[in-house]
């Protein structure tokens, strides 16, 4: 019995050593990334993230939300940027339009860039695509009036809503991006769709890991818009 206990303790000790060694390696890797990251430089750019739960960070910590992780990723590239999270879970395009002026007015610094993730809740509620298009157009028109650059995070409709609905909804984002000269991410959830390991239990919202994947595939679109501000 004593021999078994000794071996068990030895095994536990080895496991702890391996775990500690792994943690040390992980910490060193993270530190190496920090050490090799370019210094943050240039004028500070302010990005307003106007959207729904995909920006608000539904089901994850605030610091794990898309705007927070986007800011971290851009700063790791040396881009002097602050991303202000104006995401509200459950918001439709109509809700976003209704609070647009107030949200812009409440910013301490005028946004240099606005990224928009709206329309997903319209689709989930099967609201008419014509209404979504009109609301999104009104948002873009107001931002253009204020001379603000925009990146649209596109959304697709679920197939079960029917071919006609899917076709009309899909066209909203590229059409408006072209009309208003906005940047476009064709499908914001492309990095997590059909990847349940990156989705929360509702199969709608991304996990923290899923958000990291979304940042990885969309960051260049946002960075391109920032560089065009020069």
Protein backbone atom coordinates (compact mmCIF):
# COMPACT_ATOMS: atom_id res chain seq x y z
CA UNK A 1 0.00 0.00 0.00
CA UNK A 2 2.89 2.31 0.89
CA UNK A 3 4.56 1.49 -2.44
CA UNK A 4 1.38 2.37 -4.33
CA UNK A 5 1.10 5.63 -2.44
CA UNK A 6 4.71 6.50 -3.15
CA UNK A 7 4.27 5.83 -6.86
CA UNK A 8 1.07 7.87 -6.86
CA UNK A 9 2.84 10.77 -5.21
CA UNK A 10 5.74 10.49 -7.61
CA UNK A 11 3.31 10.48 -10.50
CA UNK A 12 1.55 13.54 -9.12
CA UNK A 13 4.88 15.26 -8.65
CA UNK A 14 5.85 14.55 -12.26
CA UNK A 15 2.49 15.80 -13.47
CA UNK A 16 2.93 19.00 -11.50
CA UNK A 17 6.43 19.45 -12.90
CA UNK A 18 5.19 18.88 -16.43
CA UNK A 19 2.32 21.28 -15.89
CA UNK A 20 4.62 23.90 -14.41
CA UNK A 21 7.06 23.39 -17.24
CA UNK A 22 4.23 23.81 -19.75
CA UNK A 23 3.03 26.94 -17.98
CA UNK A 24 6.54 28.34 -17.98
CA UNK A 25 6.87 27.64 -21.71
CA UNK A 26 3.49 29.27 -22.37
CA UNK A 27 4.43 32.29 -20.29
CA UNK A 28 7.79 32.54 -22.04
CA UNK A 29 6.11 32.29 -25.44
CA UNK A 30 3.67 35.07 -24.55
CA UNK A 31 6.50 37.20 -23.21
CA UNK A 32 8.55 36.57 -26.35
CA UNK A 33 5.60 37.78 -28.42
CA UNK A 34 5.44 40.95 -26.34
CA UNK A 35 9.19 41.47 -26.60
CA UNK A 36 9.19 41.10 -30.40
CA UNK A 37 6.08 43.19 -31.03
CA UNK A 38 6.81 46.53 -32.72
CA UNK A 39 6.40 49.59 -30.51
CA UNK A 40 3.06 51.36 -30.74
CA UNK A 41 3.51 54.54 -32.73
CA UNK A 42 1.71 57.14 -34.82
CA UNK A 43 -1.34 59.23 -33.99
CA UNK A 44 -3.93 57.57 -31.79
CA UNK A 45 -6.86 56.41 -33.88
CA UNK A 46 -10.30 55.92 -32.36
CA UNK A 47 -12.58 53.18 -33.66
CA UNK A 48 -16.24 53.01 -32.70
CA UNK A 49 -17.65 49.48 -32.76
CA UNK A 50 -21.40 49.91 -33.30
CA UNK A 51 -23.27 46.65 -33.18
CA UNK A 52 -25.15 43.89 -31.46
CA UNK A 53 -24.10 40.95 -29.26
CA UNK A 54 -21.25 40.03 -31.61
CA UNK A 55 -19.56 43.24 -30.48
CA UNK A 56 -21.02 43.42 -26.97
CA UNK A 57 -19.34 40.12 -26.10
CA UNK A 58 -22.32 37.95 -25.26
CA UNK A 59 -21.28 35.02 -23.07
CA UNK A 60 -17.66 36.10 -22.68
CA UNK A 61 -15.80 38.58 -20.50
CA UNK A 62 -15.73 42.21 -21.60
CA UNK A 63 -12.00 41.97 -22.23
CA UNK A 64 -12.64 38.96 -24.49
CA UNK A 65 -15.12 40.79 -26.73
CA UNK A 66 -14.34 41.40 -30.39
CA UNK A 67 -13.61 45.14 -29.96
CA UNK A 68 -11.24 44.46 -27.05
CA UNK A 69 -9.37 41.70 -28.87
CA UNK A 70 -9.26 43.72 -32.08
CA UNK A 71 -7.63 46.60 -30.22
CA UNK A 72 -5.10 44.24 -28.64
CA UNK A 73 -4.26 42.64 -31.99
CA UNK A 74 -3.79 45.97 -33.74
CA UNK A 75 -1.65 47.37 -30.95
CA UNK A 76 0.47 44.21 -31.08
CA UNK A 77 1.21 45.23 -34.67
CA UNK A 78 2.31 48.66 -33.50
CA UNK A 79 -0.90 50.46 -34.47
CA UNK A 80 -1.86 53.18 -31.99
CA UNK A 81 -5.58 52.51 -31.76
CA UNK A 82 -8.41 52.54 -29.23
CA UNK A 83 -11.58 50.58 -29.96
CA UNK A 84 -14.70 51.77 -28.16
CA UNK A 85 -17.31 49.06 -27.66
CA UNK A 86 -20.81 50.30 -28.50
CA UNK A 87 -22.31 46.84 -28.91
CA UNK A 88 -25.73 46.11 -27.39
CA UNK A 89 -26.99 42.54 -27.26
CA UNK A 90 -30.29 42.07 -29.06
CA UNK A 91 -30.01 45.21 -31.17
CA UNK A 92 -31.57 45.17 -34.61
CA UNK A 93 -30.56 47.54 -37.40
CA UNK A 94 -33.46 49.78 -36.34
CA UNK A 95 -32.12 49.88 -32.77
CA UNK A 96 -28.66 50.76 -34.05
CA UNK A 97 -30.05 53.56 -36.15
CA UNK A 98 -32.13 54.88 -33.25
CA UNK A 99 -29.11 55.27 -30.98
CA UNK A 100 -26.56 56.26 -33.62
CA UNK A 101 -26.56 60.02 -33.07
CA UNK A 102 -26.57 59.66 -29.27
CA UNK A 103 -23.71 57.15 -29.44
CA UNK A 104 -21.63 59.41 -31.68
CA UNK A 105 -22.32 62.42 -29.48
CA UNK A 106 -21.32 60.57 -26.33
CA UNK A 107 -17.82 59.82 -27.61
CA UNK A 108 -15.10 61.86 -25.90
CA UNK A 109 -13.16 61.76 -29.18
CA UNK A 110 -14.67 61.82 -32.65
CA UNK A 111 -14.23 58.34 -34.16
CA UNK A 112 -11.75 58.07 -37.00
CA UNK A 113 -13.42 54.85 -38.09
CA UNK A 114 -16.74 53.13 -37.39
CA UNK A 115 -17.11 49.38 -37.69
CA UNK A 116 -20.67 48.08 -37.85
CA UNK A 117 -22.10 44.68 -36.97
CA UNK A 118 -25.87 44.90 -37.29
CA UNK A 119 -28.53 42.92 -39.10
CA UNK A 120 -28.03 39.51 -37.52
CA UNK A 121 -30.97 39.98 -35.18
CA UNK A 122 -33.09 41.25 -38.05
CA UNK A 123 -32.42 37.97 -39.82
CA UNK A 124 -33.06 35.83 -36.73
CA UNK A 125 -36.44 37.56 -36.35
CA UNK A 126 -37.10 37.20 -40.08
CA UNK A 127 -37.65 40.93 -40.45
CA UNK A 128 -38.09 42.08 -44.06
CA UNK A 129 -34.71 42.57 -45.78
CA UNK A 130 -36.04 45.83 -47.19
CA UNK A 131 -36.29 47.22 -43.66
CA UNK A 132 -32.78 46.11 -42.78
CA UNK A 133 -31.43 47.67 -45.96
CA UNK A 134 -33.20 50.97 -45.28
CA UNK A 135 -31.92 51.14 -41.70
CA UNK A 136 -28.37 50.29 -42.67
CA UNK A 137 -28.47 52.83 -45.50
CA UNK A 138 -29.62 55.53 -43.07
CA UNK A 139 -26.74 54.70 -40.71
CA UNK A 140 -24.21 54.87 -43.53
CA UNK A 141 -25.68 58.10 -44.86
CA UNK A 142 -25.32 59.75 -41.44
CA UNK A 143 -21.75 58.58 -41.08
CA UNK A 144 -20.89 59.80 -44.56
CA UNK A 145 -22.44 63.16 -43.69
CA UNK A 146 -20.02 63.29 -40.77
CA UNK A 147 -17.08 62.29 -43.00
CA UNK A 148 -16.44 59.07 -41.09
CA UNK A 149 -14.86 56.02 -42.70
CA UNK A 150 -16.77 52.76 -42.21
CA UNK A 151 -16.17 49.02 -42.32
CA UNK A 152 -19.29 46.85 -42.58
CA UNK A 153 -19.29 43.40 -41.01
CA UNK A 154 -21.48 41.46 -43.40
CA UNK A 155 -24.04 38.85 -42.40
CA UNK A 156 -25.78 36.00 -44.22
CA UNK A 157 -29.29 34.66 -43.77
CA UNK A 158 -30.08 31.13 -42.61
CA UNK A 159 -31.11 28.85 -45.51
CA UNK A 160 -34.35 27.86 -43.79
CA UNK A 161 -35.70 31.38 -44.37
CA UNK A 162 -36.12 30.59 -48.04
CA UNK A 163 -34.17 31.33 -51.21
CA UNK A 164 -35.82 34.69 -51.85
CA UNK A 165 -35.10 35.96 -48.34
CA UNK A 166 -31.51 34.65 -48.40
CA UNK A 167 -30.80 36.30 -51.75
CA UNK A 168 -32.23 39.68 -50.74
CA UNK A 169 -30.49 39.69 -47.35
CA UNK A 170 -27.10 38.64 -48.74
CA UNK A 171 -27.12 41.55 -51.20
CA UNK A 172 -27.60 44.22 -48.52
CA UNK A 173 -23.99 44.50 -47.35
CA UNK A 174 -22.05 44.49 -50.64
CA UNK A 175 -24.60 46.81 -52.25
CA UNK A 176 -24.42 49.37 -49.44
CA UNK A 177 -20.65 49.11 -49.10
CA UNK A 178 -20.33 49.97 -52.77
CA UNK A 179 -22.93 52.74 -52.62
CA UNK A 180 -21.38 54.46 -49.59
CA UNK A 181 -17.72 53.65 -50.18
CA UNK A 182 -17.42 51.53 -47.05
CA UNK A 183 -15.03 48.69 -46.37
CA UNK A 184 -16.62 45.24 -46.27
CA UNK A 185 -16.07 41.96 -44.47
CA UNK A 186 -18.40 39.73 -46.55
CA UNK A 187 -19.35 37.41 -43.66
CA UNK A 188 -18.34 38.37 -40.13
CA UNK A 189 -18.83 34.83 -38.74
CA UNK A 190 -16.89 33.04 -41.49
CA UNK A 191 -14.14 31.96 -39.07
CA UNK A 192 -16.55 30.12 -36.75
CA UNK A 193 -19.39 28.91 -38.94
CA UNK A 194 -19.63 25.10 -39.00
CA UNK A 195 -17.00 24.96 -36.23
CA UNK A 196 -18.94 23.99 -33.08
CA UNK A 197 -15.76 24.00 -31.02
CA UNK A 198 -15.59 27.77 -31.56
CA UNK A 199 -19.28 28.36 -30.81
CA UNK A 200 -21.18 28.71 -27.56
CA UNK A 201 -23.97 26.27 -26.72
CA UNK A 202 -26.52 28.39 -28.61
CA UNK A 203 -24.60 27.76 -31.86
CA UNK A 204 -24.91 31.47 -32.63
CA UNK A 205 -22.33 33.30 -30.56
CA UNK A 206 -18.59 32.63 -30.70
CA UNK A 207 -16.56 31.54 -27.70
CA UNK A 208 -13.52 33.54 -26.61
CA UNK A 209 -11.44 31.31 -28.90
CA UNK A 210 -13.92 31.90 -31.70
CA UNK A 211 -13.59 35.65 -31.26
CA UNK A 212 -9.82 35.35 -31.58
CA UNK A 213 -10.36 33.49 -34.86
CA UNK A 214 -12.72 36.23 -36.06
CA UNK A 215 -10.18 38.91 -35.21
CA UNK A 216 -7.49 37.02 -37.10
CA UNK A 217 -9.48 36.94 -40.35
CA UNK A 218 -10.92 40.47 -40.17
CA UNK A 219 -8.07 42.51 -38.70
CA UNK A 220 -6.50 43.29 -42.08
CA UNK A 221 -9.76 44.80 -43.33
CA UNK A 222 -9.86 47.14 -40.35
CA UNK A 223 -6.16 47.88 -40.61
CA UNK A 224 -6.55 48.76 -44.29
CA UNK A 225 -9.25 51.28 -43.41
CA UNK A 226 -7.01 52.79 -40.72
CA UNK A 227 -4.09 53.13 -43.10
CA UNK A 228 -6.36 54.90 -45.59
CA UNK A 229 -6.91 57.56 -42.97
CA UNK A 230 -3.36 58.79 -43.44
